[in-house]
Amino acid sequence: MPFFLVFLSGTCSALASLLLRFAGRLPVLPTDLLIAGLAAKPLGLRLAAIGAYGAGFAFYALALKQVELSIAYPMMVAITLVEILLFDAALGGGLSMRTMTGALLLLASVMVLYMPGTGVVRS
C-alpha cells in the first residue's frame, strides 16, 4: 500500500505538470495579455493543477509514514518522469537520445536503491 501511495503521488505530480503545460499553450489575444493568466480556461487548468499537486502532496505525506524518504522521493520522481515522457511520446513529441539516456539513468538509480544491501558502511 505505501508504494501505491508513492505511485499516486507521482501520477498527481505528472498530471499537474501536464495541466500547467496545456494552460501555458492556450492562445492569448494581444488585448488580453495582462490578464492572460486569469482567462477562464487557463485559470481552470491552473486551479486543477494546484488541486493535483495538493492531492499528490497528501498521498506523499501518507506514504512517508511507511516508506523511507531516501526511497520514496526518487521513486516518486521516476514515476513522474516516466509518465510525462510516455504522455509526450503519445502526443508525437520527439524523445532525444539525451532525454532517453537521462531517464534510463534515473530509473537505474532507483533500481539500485531497491537492491538488497550487505549492511551499513561505517567509517
PDB file of N, CA and C in Angstrom:
ATOM      1  N   MET A   1       0.797  -1.204   0.000  1.00  0.00           N
ATOM      2  CA  MET A   1       0.000   0.000   0.000  1.00  0.00           C
ATOM      3  C   MET A   1       0.848   1.280   0.000  1.00  0.00           C
ATOM      4  N   PRO A   2       1.945   1.355   0.778  1.00  0.00           N
ATOM      5  CA  PRO A   2       2.706   2.615   0.769  1.00  0.00           C
ATOM      6  C   PRO A   2       3.310   2.929  -0.600  1.00  0.00           C
ATOM      7  N   PHE A   3       3.714   1.907  -1.358  1.00  0.00           N
ATOM      8  CA  PHE A   3       4.285   2.167  -2.677  1.00  0.00           C
ATOM      9  C   PHE A   3       3.203   2.591  -3.665  1.00  0.00           C
ATOM     10  N   PHE A   4       1.984   2.134  -3.441  1.00  0.00           N
ATOM     11  CA  PHE A   4       0.869   2.593  -4.264  1.00  0.00           C
ATOM     12  C   PHE A   4       0.617   4.079  -4.006  1.00  0.00           C
ATOM     13  N   LEU A   5       0.772   4.506  -2.754  1.00  0.00           N
ATOM     14  CA  LEU A   5       0.619   5.927  -2.432  1.00  0.00           C
ATOM     15  C   LEU A   5       1.714   6.760  -3.097  1.00  0.00           C
ATOM     16  N   VAL A   6       2.931   6.229  -3.150  1.00  0.00           N
ATOM     17  CA  VAL A   6       4.022   6.918  -3.852  1.00  0.00           C
ATOM     18  C   VAL A   6       3.694   7.006  -5.339  1.00  0.00           C
ATOM     19  N   PHE A   7       3.148   5.926  -5.896  1.00  0.00           N
ATOM     20  CA  PHE A   7       2.740   5.917  -7.306  1.00  0.00           C
ATOM     21  C   PHE A   7       1.667   6.987  -7.554  1.00  0.00           C
ATOM     22  N   LEU A   8       0.662   7.055  -6.683  1.00  0.00           N
ATOM     23  CA  LEU A   8      -0.386   8.068  -6.837  1.00  0.00           C
ATOM     24  C   LEU A   8       0.186   9.481  -6.726  1.00  0.00           C
ATOM     25  N   SER A   9       1.137   9.668  -5.834  1.00  0.00           N
ATOM     26  CA  SER A   9       1.776  10.973  -5.684  1.00  0.00           C
ATOM     27  C   SER A   9       2.505  11.375  -6.963  1.00  0.00           C
ATOM     28  N   GLY A  10       3.260  10.448  -7.540  1.00  0.00           N
ATOM     29  CA  GLY A  10       3.957  10.722  -8.794  1.00  0.00           C
ATOM     30  C   GLY A  10       2.999  10.999  -9.930  1.00  0.00           C
ATOM     31  N   THR A  11       1.897  10.252  -9.968  1.00  0.00           N
ATOM     32  CA  THR A  11       0.897  10.445 -11.013  1.00  0.00           C
ATOM     33  C   THR A  11       0.239  11.814 -10.890  1.00  0.00           C
ATOM     34  N   CYS A  12      -0.079  12.224  -9.676  1.00  0.00           N
ATOM     35  CA  CYS A  12      -0.661  13.558  -9.469  1.00  0.00           C
ATOM     36  C   CYS A  12       0.315  14.655  -9.883  1.00  0.00           C
ATOM     37  N   SER A  13       1.585  14.463  -9.594  1.00  0.00           N
ATOM     38  CA  SER A  13       2.600  15.441  -9.981  1.00  0.00           C
ATOM     39  C   SER A  13       2.712  15.538 -11.502  1.00  0.00           C
ATOM     40  N   ALA A  14       2.690  14.392 -12.170  1.00  0.00           N
ATOM     41  CA  ALA A  14       2.746  14.388 -13.634  1.00  0.00           C
ATOM     42  C   ALA A  14       1.512  15.069 -14.215  1.00  0.00           C
ATOM     43  N   LEU A  15       0.346  14.760 -13.658  1.00  0.00           N
ATOM     44  CA  LEU A  15      -0.893  15.375 -14.128  1.00  0.00           C
ATOM     45  C   LEU A  15      -0.846  16.891 -13.958  1.00  0.00           C
ATOM     46  N   ALA A  16      -0.373  17.349 -12.811  1.00  0.00           N
ATOM     47  CA  ALA A  16      -0.282  18.790 -12.574  1.00  0.00           C
ATOM     48  C   ALA A  16       0.668  19.454 -13.563  1.00  0.00           C
ATOM     49  N   SER A  17       1.798  18.823 -13.827  1.00  0.00           N
ATOM     50  CA  SER A  17       2.755  19.384 -14.792  1.00  0.00           C
ATOM     51  C   SER A  17       2.142  19.478 -16.180  1.00  0.00           C
ATOM     52  N   LEU A  18       1.407  18.446 -16.579  1.00  0.00           N
ATOM     53  CA  LEU A  18       0.778  18.454 -17.899  1.00  0.00           C
ATOM     54  C   LEU A  18      -0.325  19.508 -17.977  1.00  0.00           C
ATOM     55  N   LEU A  19      -1.096  19.664 -16.913  1.00  0.00           N
ATOM     56  CA  LEU A  19      -2.136  20.695 -16.903  1.00  0.00           C
ATOM     57  C   LEU A  19      -1.528  22.092 -17.025  1.00  0.00           C
ATOM     58  N   LEU A  20      -0.427  22.328 -16.330  1.00  0.00           N
ATOM     59  CA  LEU A  20       0.241  23.629 -16.440  1.00  0.00           C
ATOM     60  C   LEU A  20       0.800  23.845 -17.840  1.00  0.00           C
ATOM     61  N   ARG A  21       1.284  22.772 -18.446  1.00  0.00           N
ATOM     62  CA  ARG A  21       1.801  22.876 -19.817  1.00  0.00           C
ATOM     63  C   ARG A  21       0.681  23.256 -20.775  1.00  0.00           C
ATOM     64  N   PHE A  22      -0.476  22.594 -20.645  1.00  0.00           N
ATOM     65  CA  PHE A  22      -1.606  22.914 -21.515  1.00  0.00           C
ATOM     66  C   PHE A  22      -2.108  24.334 -21.279  1.00  0.00           C
ATOM     67  N   ALA A  23      -2.150  24.760 -20.038  1.00  0.00           N
ATOM     68  CA  ALA A  23      -2.610  26.117 -19.727  1.00  0.00           C
ATOM     69  C   ALA A  23      -1.685  27.157 -20.347  1.00  0.00           C
ATOM     70  N   GLY A  24      -0.398  26.877 -20.359  1.00  0.00           N
ATOM     71  CA  GLY A  24       0.562  27.817 -20.929  1.00  0.00           C
ATOM     72  C   GLY A  24       0.553  27.866 -22.442  1.00  0.00           C
ATOM     73  N   ARG A  25      -0.023  26.857 -23.071  1.00  0.00           N
ATOM     74  CA  ARG A  25      -0.034  26.810 -24.540  1.00  0.00           C
ATOM     75  C   ARG A  25      -1.343  27.280 -25.155  1.00  0.00           C
ATOM     76  N   LEU A  26      -2.295  27.671 -24.334  1.00  0.00           N
ATOM     77  CA  LEU A  26      -3.549  28.170 -24.887  1.00  0.00           C
ATOM     78  C   LEU A  26      -3.314  29.524 -25.541  1.00  0.00           C
ATOM     79  N   PRO A  27      -3.978  29.774 -26.664  1.00  0.00           N
ATOM     80  CA  PRO A  27      -3.770  31.061 -27.346  1.00  0.00           C
ATOM     81  C   PRO A  27      -4.297  32.224 -26.499  1.00  0.00           C
ATOM     82  N   VAL A  28      -3.568  33.326 -26.568  1.00  0.00           N
ATOM     83  CA  VAL A  28      -3.934  34.535 -25.828  1.00  0.00           C
ATOM     84  C   VAL A  28      -4.056  35.677 -26.824  1.00  0.00           C
ATOM     85  N   LEU A  29      -5.148  36.399 -26.736  1.00  0.00           N
ATOM     86  CA  LEU A  29      -5.326  37.566 -27.597  1.00  0.00           C
ATOM     87  C   LEU A  29      -4.393  38.681 -27.141  1.00  0.00           C
ATOM     88  N   PRO A  30      -3.864  39.470 -28.078  1.00  0.00           N
ATOM     89  CA  PRO A  30      -2.955  40.564 -27.687  1.00  0.00           C
ATOM     90  C   PRO A  30      -3.591  41.550 -26.707  1.00  0.00           C
ATOM     91  N   THR A  31      -4.903  41.729 -26.798  1.00  0.00           N
ATOM     92  CA  THR A  31      -5.576  42.666 -25.887  1.00  0.00           C
ATOM     93  C   THR A  31      -5.722  42.094 -24.482  1.00  0.00           C
ATOM     94  N   ASP A  32      -5.608  40.783 -24.345  1.00  0.00           N
ATOM     95  CA  ASP A  32      -5.765  40.127 -23.041  1.00  0.00           C
ATOM     96  C   ASP A  32      -4.434  39.767 -22.406  1.00  0.00           C
ATOM     97  N   LEU A  33      -3.352  40.342 -22.890  1.00  0.00           N
ATOM     98  CA  LEU A  33      -2.029  39.934 -22.431  1.00  0.00           C
ATOM     99  C   LEU A  33      -1.846  40.111 -20.929  1.00  0.00           C
ATOM    100  N   LEU A  34      -2.356  41.188 -20.373  1.00  0.00           N
ATOM    101  CA  LEU A  34      -2.164  41.434 -18.944  1.00  0.00           C
ATOM    102  C   LEU A  34      -2.971  40.487 -18.068  1.00  0.00           C
ATOM    103  N   ILE A  35      -4.080  39.998 -18.592  1.00  0.00           N
ATOM    104  CA  ILE A  35      -4.911  39.105 -17.785  1.00  0.00           C
ATOM    105  C   ILE A  35      -4.924  37.685 -18.347  1.00  0.00           C
ATOM    106  N   ALA A  36      -3.904  37.343 -19.122  1.00  0.00           N
ATOM    107  CA  ALA A  36      -3.882  36.028 -19.763  1.00  0.00           C
ATOM    108  C   ALA A  36      -3.936  34.902 -18.745  1.00  0.00           C
ATOM    109  N   GLY A  37      -3.289  35.079 -17.624  1.00  0.00           N
ATOM    110  CA  GLY A  37      -3.282  34.029 -16.613  1.00  0.00           C
ATOM    111  C   GLY A  37      -4.610  33.876 -15.908  1.00  0.00           C
ATOM    112  N   LEU A  38      -5.484  34.866 -16.042  1.00  0.00           N
ATOM    113  CA  LEU A  38      -6.769  34.812 -15.363  1.00  0.00           C
ATOM    114  C   LEU A  38      -7.922  34.507 -16.305  1.00  0.00           C
ATOM    115  N   ALA A  39      -7.644  34.261 -17.577  1.00  0.00           N
ATOM    116  CA  ALA A  39      -8.693  33.888 -18.515  1.00  0.00           C
ATOM    117  C   ALA A  39      -9.305  32.573 -18.056  1.00  0.00           C
ATOM    118  N   ALA A  40     -10.539  32.334 -18.419  1.00  0.00           N
ATOM    119  CA  ALA A  40     -11.304  31.206 -17.878  1.00  0.00           C
ATOM    120  C   ALA A  40     -10.615  29.851 -18.052  1.00  0.00           C
ATOM    121  N   LYS A  41     -10.237  29.516 -19.281  1.00  0.00           N
ATOM    122  CA  LYS A  41      -9.647  28.188 -19.497  1.00  0.00           C
ATOM    123  C   LYS A  41      -8.287  28.023 -18.825  1.00  0.00           C
ATOM    124  N   PRO A  42      -7.342  28.950 -19.037  1.00  0.00           N
ATOM    125  CA  PRO A  42      -6.056  28.774 -18.355  1.00  0.00           C
ATOM    126  C   PRO A  42      -6.196  28.755 -16.838  1.00  0.00           C
ATOM    127  N   LEU A  43      -7.072  29.593 -16.305  1.00  0.00           N
ATOM    128  CA  LEU A  43      -7.248  29.635 -14.859  1.00  0.00           C
ATOM    129  C   LEU A  43      -7.800  28.311 -14.346  1.00  0.00           C
ATOM    130  N   GLY A  44      -8.771  27.749 -15.065  1.00  0.00           N
ATOM    131  CA  GLY A  44      -9.330  26.456 -14.668  1.00  0.00           C
ATOM    132  C   GLY A  44      -8.280  25.360 -14.675  1.00  0.00           C
ATOM    133  N   LEU A  45      -7.441  25.349 -15.711  1.00  0.00           N
ATOM    134  CA  LEU A  45      -6.380  24.345 -15.779  1.00  0.00           C
ATOM    135  C   LEU A  45      -5.354  24.553 -14.673  1.00  0.00           C
ATOM    136  N   ARG A  46      -5.032  25.798 -14.385  1.00  0.00           N
ATOM    137  CA  ARG A  46      -4.062  26.076 -13.310  1.00  0.00           C
ATOM    138  C   ARG A  46      -4.622  25.696 -11.941  1.00  0.00           C
ATOM    139  N   LEU A  47      -5.897  25.947 -11.725  1.00  0.00           N
ATOM    140  CA  LEU A  47      -6.514  25.542 -10.458  1.00  0.00           C
ATOM    141  C   LEU A  47      -6.564  24.021 -10.337  1.00  0.00           C
ATOM    142  N   ALA A  48      -6.844  23.339 -11.451  1.00  0.00           N
ATOM    143  CA  ALA A  48      -6.828  21.871 -11.439  1.00  0.00           C
ATOM    144  C   ALA A  48      -5.423  21.359 -11.136  1.00  0.00           C
ATOM    145  N   ALA A  49      -4.407  22.034 -11.665  1.00  0.00           N
ATOM    146  CA  ALA A  49      -3.020  21.639 -11.389  1.00  0.00           C
ATOM    147  C   ALA A  49      -2.694  21.813  -9.909  1.00  0.00           C
ATOM    148  N   ILE A  50      -3.153  22.905  -9.318  1.00  0.00           N
ATOM    149  CA  ILE A  50      -2.932  23.112  -7.881  1.00  0.00           C
ATOM    150  C   ILE A  50      -3.612  22.008  -7.082  1.00  0.00           C
ATOM    151  N   GLY A  51      -4.819  21.623  -7.497  1.00  0.00           N
ATOM    152  CA  GLY A  51      -5.515  20.523  -6.833  1.00  0.00           C
ATOM    153  C   GLY A  51      -4.766  19.211  -6.965  1.00  0.00           C
ATOM    154  N   ALA A  52      -4.216  18.958  -8.155  1.00  0.00           N
ATOM    155  CA  ALA A  52      -3.448  17.722  -8.369  1.00  0.00           C
ATOM    156  C   ALA A  52      -2.178  17.725  -7.521  1.00  0.00           C
ATOM    157  N   TYR A  53      -1.497  18.871  -7.450  1.00  0.00           N
ATOM    158  CA  TYR A  53      -0.313  18.960  -6.582  1.00  0.00           C
ATOM    159  C   TYR A  53      -0.696  18.727  -5.117  1.00  0.00           C
ATOM    160  N   GLY A  54      -1.825  19.284  -4.701  1.00  0.00           N
ATOM    161  CA  GLY A  54      -2.286  19.092  -3.327  1.00  0.00           C
ATOM    162  C   GLY A  54      -2.594  17.637  -3.023  1.00  0.00           C
ATOM    163  N   ALA A  55      -3.280  16.967  -3.944  1.00  0.00           N
ATOM    164  CA  ALA A  55      -3.582  15.547  -3.756  1.00  0.00           C
ATOM    165  C   ALA A  55      -2.293  14.735  -3.728  1.00  0.00           C
ATOM    166  N   GLY A  56      -1.362  15.062  -4.619  1.00  0.00           N
ATOM    167  CA  GLY A  56      -0.077  14.361  -4.641  1.00  0.00           C
ATOM    168  C   GLY A  56       0.684  14.539  -3.344  1.00  0.00           C
ATOM    169  N   PHE A  57       0.635  15.751  -2.786  1.00  0.00           N
ATOM    170  CA  PHE A  57       1.297  16.011  -1.507  1.00  0.00           C
ATOM    171  C   PHE A  57       0.676  15.166  -0.399  1.00  0.00           C
ATOM    172  N   ALA A  58      -0.654  15.065  -0.397  1.00  0.00           N
ATOM    173  CA  ALA A  58      -1.335  14.264   0.626  1.00  0.00           C
ATOM    174  C   ALA A  58      -0.948  12.789   0.507  1.00  0.00           C
ATOM    175  N   PHE A  59      -0.935  12.257  -0.716  1.00  0.00           N
ATOM    176  CA  PHE A  59      -0.529  10.860  -0.915  1.00  0.00           C
ATOM    177  C   PHE A  59       0.915  10.645  -0.472  1.00  0.00           C
ATOM    178  N   TYR A  60       1.767  11.608  -0.796  1.00  0.00           N
ATOM    179  CA  TYR A  60       3.185  11.501  -0.440  1.00  0.00           C
ATOM    180  C   TYR A  60       3.370  11.539   1.078  1.00  0.00           C
ATOM    181  N   ALA A  61       2.642  12.421   1.744  1.00  0.00           N
ATOM    182  CA  ALA A  61       2.728  12.509   3.208  1.00  0.00           C
ATOM    183  C   ALA A  61       2.286  11.202   3.853  1.00  0.00           C
ATOM    184  N   LEU A  62       1.238  10.589   3.326  1.00  0.00           N
ATOM    185  CA  LEU A  62       0.784   9.299   3.856  1.00  0.00           C
ATOM    186  C   LEU A  62       1.816   8.205   3.598  1.00  0.00           C
ATOM    187  N   ALA A  63       2.426   8.238   2.427  1.00  0.00           N
ATOM    188  CA  ALA A  63       3.422   7.214   2.086  1.00  0.00           C
ATOM    189  C   ALA A  63       4.652   7.322   2.977  1.00  0.00           C
ATOM    190  N   LEU A  64       5.036   8.545   3.334  1.00  0.00           N
ATOM    191  CA  LEU A  64       6.246   8.738   4.141  1.00  0.00           C
ATOM    192  C   LEU A  64       6.111   8.194   5.560  1.00  0.00           C
ATOM    193  N   LYS A  65       4.898   7.882   5.970  1.00  0.00           N
ATOM    194  CA  LYS A  65       4.714   7.252   7.276  1.00  0.00           C
ATOM    195  C   LYS A  65       5.259   5.829   7.278  1.00  0.00           C
ATOM    196  N   GLN A  66       5.367   5.221   6.072  1.00  0.00           N
ATOM    197  CA  GLN A  66       5.753   3.817   5.982  1.00  0.00           C
ATOM    198  C   GLN A  66       6.961   3.555   5.097  1.00  0.00           C
ATOM    199  N   VAL A  67       7.382   4.540   4.314  1.00  0.00           N
ATOM    200  CA  VAL A  67       8.498   4.361   3.382  1.00  0.00           C
ATOM    201  C   VAL A  67       9.571   5.388   3.719  1.00  0.00           C
ATOM    202  N   GLU A  68      10.823   4.977   3.654  1.00  0.00           N
ATOM    203  CA  GLU A  68      11.924   5.904   3.914  1.00  0.00           C
ATOM    204  C   GLU A  68      11.961   6.993   2.839  1.00  0.00           C
ATOM    205  N   LEU A  69      12.333   8.182   3.265  1.00  0.00           N
ATOM    206  CA  LEU A  69      12.418   9.318   2.351  1.00  0.00           C
ATOM    207  C   LEU A  69      13.405   9.050   1.223  1.00  0.00           C
ATOM    208  N   SER A  70      14.529   8.413   1.536  1.00  0.00           N
ATOM    209  CA  SER A  70      15.562   8.146   0.528  1.00  0.00           C
ATOM    210  C   SER A  70      15.082   7.170  -0.539  1.00  0.00           C
ATOM    211  N   ILE A  71      14.002   6.469  -0.278  1.00  0.00           N
ATOM    212  CA  ILE A  71      13.417   5.556  -1.263  1.00  0.00           C
ATOM    213  C   ILE A  71      12.214   6.216  -1.938  1.00  0.00           C
ATOM    214  N   ALA A  72      11.356   6.842  -1.140  1.00  0.00           N
ATOM    215  CA  ALA A  72      10.094   7.374  -1.655  1.00  0.00           C
ATOM    216  C   ALA A  72      10.299   8.505  -2.658  1.00  0.00           C
ATOM    217  N   TYR A  73      11.188   9.443  -2.352  1.00  0.00           N
ATOM    218  CA  TYR A  73      11.337  10.601  -3.237  1.00  0.00           C
ATOM    219  C   TYR A  73      11.876  10.223  -4.617  1.00  0.00           C
ATOM    220  N   PRO A  74      12.978   9.459  -4.706  1.00  0.00           N
ATOM    221  CA  PRO A  74      13.444   9.085  -6.048  1.00  0.00           C
ATOM    222  C   PRO A  74      12.413   8.271  -6.826  1.00  0.00           C
ATOM    223  N   MET A  75      11.671   7.428  -6.116  1.00  0.00           N
ATOM    224  CA  MET A  75      10.650   6.626  -6.787  1.00  0.00           C
ATOM    225  C   MET A  75       9.531   7.523  -7.329  1.00  0.00           C
ATOM    226  N   MET A  76       9.107   8.507  -6.543  1.00  0.00           N
ATOM    227  CA  MET A  76       8.064   9.420  -6.990  1.00  0.00           C
ATOM    228  C   MET A  76       8.526  10.217  -8.212  1.00  0.00           C
ATOM    229  N   VAL A  77       9.764  10.699  -8.171  1.00  0.00           N
ATOM    230  CA  VAL A  77      10.300  11.470  -9.298  1.00  0.00           C
ATOM    231  C   VAL A  77      10.408  10.595 -10.543  1.00  0.00           C
ATOM    232  N   ALA A  78      10.849   9.356 -10.377  1.00  0.00           N
ATOM    233  CA  ALA A  78      10.968   8.443 -11.518  1.00  0.00           C
ATOM    234  C   ALA A  78       9.600   8.163 -12.132  1.00  0.00           C
ATOM    235  N   ILE A  79       8.594   7.958 -11.296  1.00  0.00           N
ATOM    236  CA  ILE A  79       7.237   7.719 -11.799  1.00  0.00           C
ATOM    237  C   ILE A  79       6.743   8.935 -12.569  1.00  0.00           C
ATOM    238  N   THR A  80       6.962  10.112 -12.014  1.00  0.00           N
ATOM    239  CA  THR A  80       6.546  11.344 -12.683  1.00  0.00           C
ATOM    240  C   THR A  80       7.237  11.483 -14.036  1.00  0.00           C
ATOM    241  N   LEU A  81       8.532  11.250 -14.060  1.00  0.00           N
ATOM    242  CA  LEU A  81       9.303  11.371 -15.299  1.00  0.00           C
ATOM    243  C   LEU A  81       8.811  10.396 -16.362  1.00  0.00           C
ATOM    244  N   VAL A  82       8.633   9.151 -15.990  1.00  0.00           N
ATOM    245  CA  VAL A  82       8.194   8.136 -16.957  1.00  0.00           C
ATOM    246  C   VAL A  82       6.815   8.489 -17.504  1.00  0.00           C
ATOM    247  N   GLU A  83       5.904   8.904 -16.638  1.00  0.00           N
ATOM    248  CA  GLU A  83       4.559   9.241 -17.106  1.00  0.00           C
ATOM    249  C   GLU A  83       4.567  10.446 -18.046  1.00  0.00           C
ATOM    250  N   ILE A  84       5.362  11.451 -17.740  1.00  0.00           N
ATOM    251  CA  ILE A  84       5.434  12.623 -18.618  1.00  0.00           C
ATOM    252  C   ILE A  84       6.062  12.248 -19.959  1.00  0.00           C
ATOM    253  N   LEU A  85       7.116  11.433 -19.937  1.00  0.00           N
ATOM    254  CA  LEU A  85       7.743  11.001 -21.193  1.00  0.00           C
ATOM    255  C   LEU A  85       6.783  10.162 -22.032  1.00  0.00           C
ATOM    256  N   LEU A  86       6.035   9.265 -21.394  1.00  0.00           N
ATOM    257  CA  LEU A  86       5.068   8.444 -22.126  1.00  0.00           C
ATOM    258  C   LEU A  86       3.966   9.309 -22.727  1.00  0.00           C
ATOM    259  N   PHE A  87       3.493  10.279 -21.983  1.00  0.00           N
ATOM    260  CA  PHE A  87       2.464  11.171 -22.494  1.00  0.00           C
ATOM    261  C   PHE A  87       2.991  11.990 -23.664  1.00  0.00           C
ATOM    262  N   ASP A  88       4.207  12.489 -23.538  1.00  0.00           N
ATOM    263  CA  ASP A  88       4.815  13.261 -24.614  1.00  0.00           C
ATOM    264  C   ASP A  88       4.985  12.405 -25.871  1.00  0.00           C
ATOM    265  N   ALA A  89       5.414  11.161 -25.686  1.00  0.00           N
ATOM    266  CA  ALA A  89       5.571  10.255 -26.827  1.00  0.00           C
ATOM    267  C   ALA A  89       4.219   9.944 -27.464  1.00  0.00           C
ATOM    268  N   ALA A  90       3.178   9.799 -26.645  1.00  0.00           N
ATOM    269  CA  ALA A  90       1.843   9.509 -27.173  1.00  0.00           C
ATOM    270  C   ALA A  90       1.308  10.665 -28.012  1.00  0.00           C
ATOM    271  N   LEU A  91       1.719  11.885 -27.689  1.00  0.00           N
ATOM    272  CA  LEU A  91       1.282  13.049 -28.460  1.00  0.00           C
ATOM    273  C   LEU A  91       2.182  13.343 -29.653  1.00  0.00           C
ATOM    274  N   GLY A  92       3.149  12.469 -29.890  1.00  0.00           N
ATOM    275  CA  GLY A  92       4.015  12.640 -31.041  1.00  0.00           C
ATOM    276  C   GLY A  92       5.232  13.497 -30.785  1.00  0.00           C
ATOM    277  N   GLY A  93       5.505  13.806 -29.545  1.00  0.00           N
ATOM    278  CA  GLY A  93       6.703  14.581 -29.213  1.00  0.00           C
ATOM    279  C   GLY A  93       7.944  13.732 -29.413  1.00  0.00           C
ATOM    280  N   GLY A  94       8.990  14.338 -29.893  1.00  0.00           N
ATOM    281  CA  GLY A  94      10.222  13.597 -30.123  1.00  0.00           C
ATOM    282  C   GLY A  94      11.021  13.428 -28.843  1.00  0.00           C
ATOM    283  N   LEU A  95      11.514  12.233 -28.619  1.00  0.00           N
ATOM    284  CA  LEU A  95      12.374  11.973 -27.471  1.00  0.00           C
ATOM    285  C   LEU A  95      13.808  11.905 -27.964  1.00  0.00           C
ATOM    286  N   SER A  96      14.633  12.800 -27.467  1.00  0.00           N
ATOM    287  CA  SER A  96      16.029  12.814 -27.893  1.00  0.00           C
ATOM    288  C   SER A  96      16.800  11.707 -27.190  1.00  0.00           C
ATOM    289  N   MET A  97      17.963  11.403 -27.720  1.00  0.00           N
ATOM    290  CA  MET A  97      18.817  10.385 -27.112  1.00  0.00           C
ATOM    291  C   MET A  97      19.255  10.836 -25.719  1.00  0.00           C
ATOM    292  N   ARG A  98      19.501  12.124 -25.560  1.00  0.00           N
ATOM    293  CA  ARG A  98      19.897  12.655 -24.256  1.00  0.00           C
ATOM    294  C   ARG A  98      18.782  12.463 -23.229  1.00  0.00           C
ATOM    295  N   THR A  99      17.540  12.736 -23.631  1.00  0.00           N
ATOM    296  CA  THR A  99      16.407  12.565 -22.727  1.00  0.00           C
ATOM    297  C   THR A  99      16.228  11.105 -22.350  1.00  0.00           C
ATOM    298  N   MET A 100      16.320  10.230 -23.338  1.00  0.00           N
ATOM    299  CA  MET A 100      16.177   8.794 -23.073  1.00  0.00           C
ATOM    300  C   MET A 100      17.288   8.298 -22.149  1.00  0.00           C
ATOM    301  N   THR A 101      18.515   8.746 -22.385  1.00  0.00           N
ATOM    302  CA  THR A 101      19.643   8.329 -21.545  1.00  0.00           C
ATOM    303  C   THR A 101      19.450   8.814 -20.114  1.00  0.00           C
ATOM    304  N   GLY A 102      19.039  10.055 -19.954  1.00  0.00           N
ATOM    305  CA  GLY A 102      18.795  10.594 -18.619  1.00  0.00           C
ATOM    306  C   GLY A 102      17.697   9.844 -17.889  1.00  0.00           C
ATOM    307  N   ALA A 103      16.619   9.528 -18.603  1.00  0.00           N
ATOM    308  CA  ALA A 103      15.519   8.784 -17.986  1.00  0.00           C
ATOM    309  C   ALA A 103      15.966   7.385 -17.582  1.00  0.00           C
ATOM    310  N   LEU A 104      16.730   6.735 -18.438  1.00  0.00           N
ATOM    311  CA  LEU A 104      17.221   5.392 -18.107  1.00  0.00           C
ATOM    312  C   LEU A 104      18.178   5.420 -16.921  1.00  0.00           C
ATOM    313  N   LEU A 105      19.028   6.439 -16.849  1.00  0.00           N
ATOM    314  CA  LEU A 105      19.933   6.563 -15.703  1.00  0.00           C
ATOM    315  C   LEU A 105      19.156   6.792 -14.405  1.00  0.00           C
ATOM    316  N   LEU A 106      18.120   7.602 -14.472  1.00  0.00           N
ATOM    317  CA  LEU A 106      17.302   7.836 -13.286  1.00  0.00           C
ATOM    318  C   LEU A 106      16.614   6.548 -12.840  1.00  0.00           C
ATOM    319  N   LEU A 107      16.047   5.823 -13.792  1.00  0.00           N
ATOM    320  CA  LEU A 107      15.388   4.560 -13.449  1.00  0.00           C
ATOM    321  C   LEU A 107      16.382   3.551 -12.897  1.00  0.00           C
ATOM    322  N   ALA A 108      17.579   3.512 -13.470  1.00  0.00           N
ATOM    323  CA  ALA A 108      18.607   2.590 -12.967  1.00  0.00           C
ATOM    324  C   ALA A 108      19.003   2.958 -11.542  1.00  0.00           C
ATOM    325  N   SER A 109      19.102   4.247 -11.254  1.00  0.00           N
ATOM    326  CA  SER A 109      19.480   4.655  -9.896  1.00  0.00           C
ATOM    327  C   SER A 109      18.394   4.292  -8.888  1.00  0.00           C
ATOM    328  N   VAL A 110      17.136   4.392  -9.272  1.00  0.00           N
ATOM    329  CA  VAL A 110      16.052   3.985  -8.373  1.00  0.00           C
ATOM    330  C   VAL A 110      16.108   2.481  -8.139  1.00  0.00           C
ATOM    331  N   MET A 111      16.425   1.720  -9.176  1.00  0.00           N
ATOM    332  CA  MET A 111      16.539   0.266  -9.017  1.00  0.00           C
ATOM    333  C   MET A 111      17.688  -0.089  -8.075  1.00  0.00           C
ATOM    334  N   VAL A 112      18.791   0.646  -8.155  1.00  0.00           N
ATOM    335  CA  VAL A 112      19.929   0.391  -7.262  1.00  0.00           C
ATOM    336  C   VAL A 112      19.514   0.604  -5.803  1.00  0.00           C
ATOM    337  N   LEU A 113      18.657   1.579  -5.561  1.00  0.00           N
ATOM    338  CA  LEU A 113      18.186   1.824  -4.198  1.00  0.00           C
ATOM    339  C   LEU A 113      17.413   0.632  -3.634  1.00  0.00           C
ATOM    340  N   TYR A 114      16.790  -0.146  -4.502  1.00  0.00           N
ATOM    341  CA  TYR A 114      15.991  -1.286  -4.059  1.00  0.00           C
ATOM    342  C   TYR A 114      16.772  -2.587  -3.999  1.00  0.00           C
ATOM    343  N   MET A 115      18.024  -2.574  -4.434  1.00  0.00           N
ATOM    344  CA  MET A 115      18.825  -3.800  -4.389  1.00  0.00           C
ATOM    345  C   MET A 115      19.115  -4.165  -2.936  1.00  0.00           C
ATOM    346  N   PRO A 116      19.111  -5.463  -2.641  1.00  0.00           N
ATOM    347  CA  PRO A 116      19.439  -5.851  -1.264  1.00  0.00           C
ATOM    348  C   PRO A 116      20.870  -5.454  -0.931  1.00  0.00           C
ATOM    349  N   GLY A 117      21.047  -4.847   0.221  1.00  0.00           N
ATOM    350  CA  GLY A 117      22.368  -4.384   0.638  1.00  0.00           C
ATOM    351  C   GLY A 117      23.077  -5.409   1.504  1.00  0.00           C
ATOM    352  N   THR A 118      24.353  -5.180   1.700  1.00  0.00           N
ATOM    353  CA  THR A 118      25.148  -6.074   2.544  1.00  0.00           C
ATOM    354  C   THR A 118      25.309  -5.505   3.941  1.00  0.00           C
ATOM    355  N   GLY A 119      24.693  -4.396   4.203  1.00  0.00           N
ATOM    356  CA  GLY A 119      24.798  -3.794   5.524  1.00  0.00           C
ATOM    357  C   GLY A 119      25.181  -2.339   5.421  1.00  0.00           C
ATOM    358  N   VAL A 120      25.301  -1.720   6.548  1.00  0.00           N
ATOM    359  CA  VAL A 120      25.632  -0.298   6.613  1.00  0.00           C
ATOM    360  C   VAL A 120      27.141  -0.129   6.572  1.00  0.00           C
ATOM    361  N   VAL A 121      27.598   0.777   5.742  1.00  0.00           N
ATOM    362  CA  VAL A 121      29.029   1.074   5.655  1.00  0.00           C
ATOM    363  C   VAL A 121      29.349   2.110   6.719  1.00  0.00           C
ATOM    364  N   ARG A 122      30.332   1.807   7.538  1.00  0.00           N
ATOM    365  CA  ARG A 122      30.725   2.738   8.602  1.00  0.00           C
ATOM    366  C   ARG A 122      32.177   3.116   8.416  1.00  0.00           C
ATOM    367  N   SER A 123      32.465   4.364   8.685  1.00  0.00           N
ATOM    368  CA  SER A 123      33.856   4.802   8.538  1.00  0.00           C
ATOM    369  C   SER A 123      34.507   5.028   9.876  1.00  0.00           C
TER     370      SER A 123
END
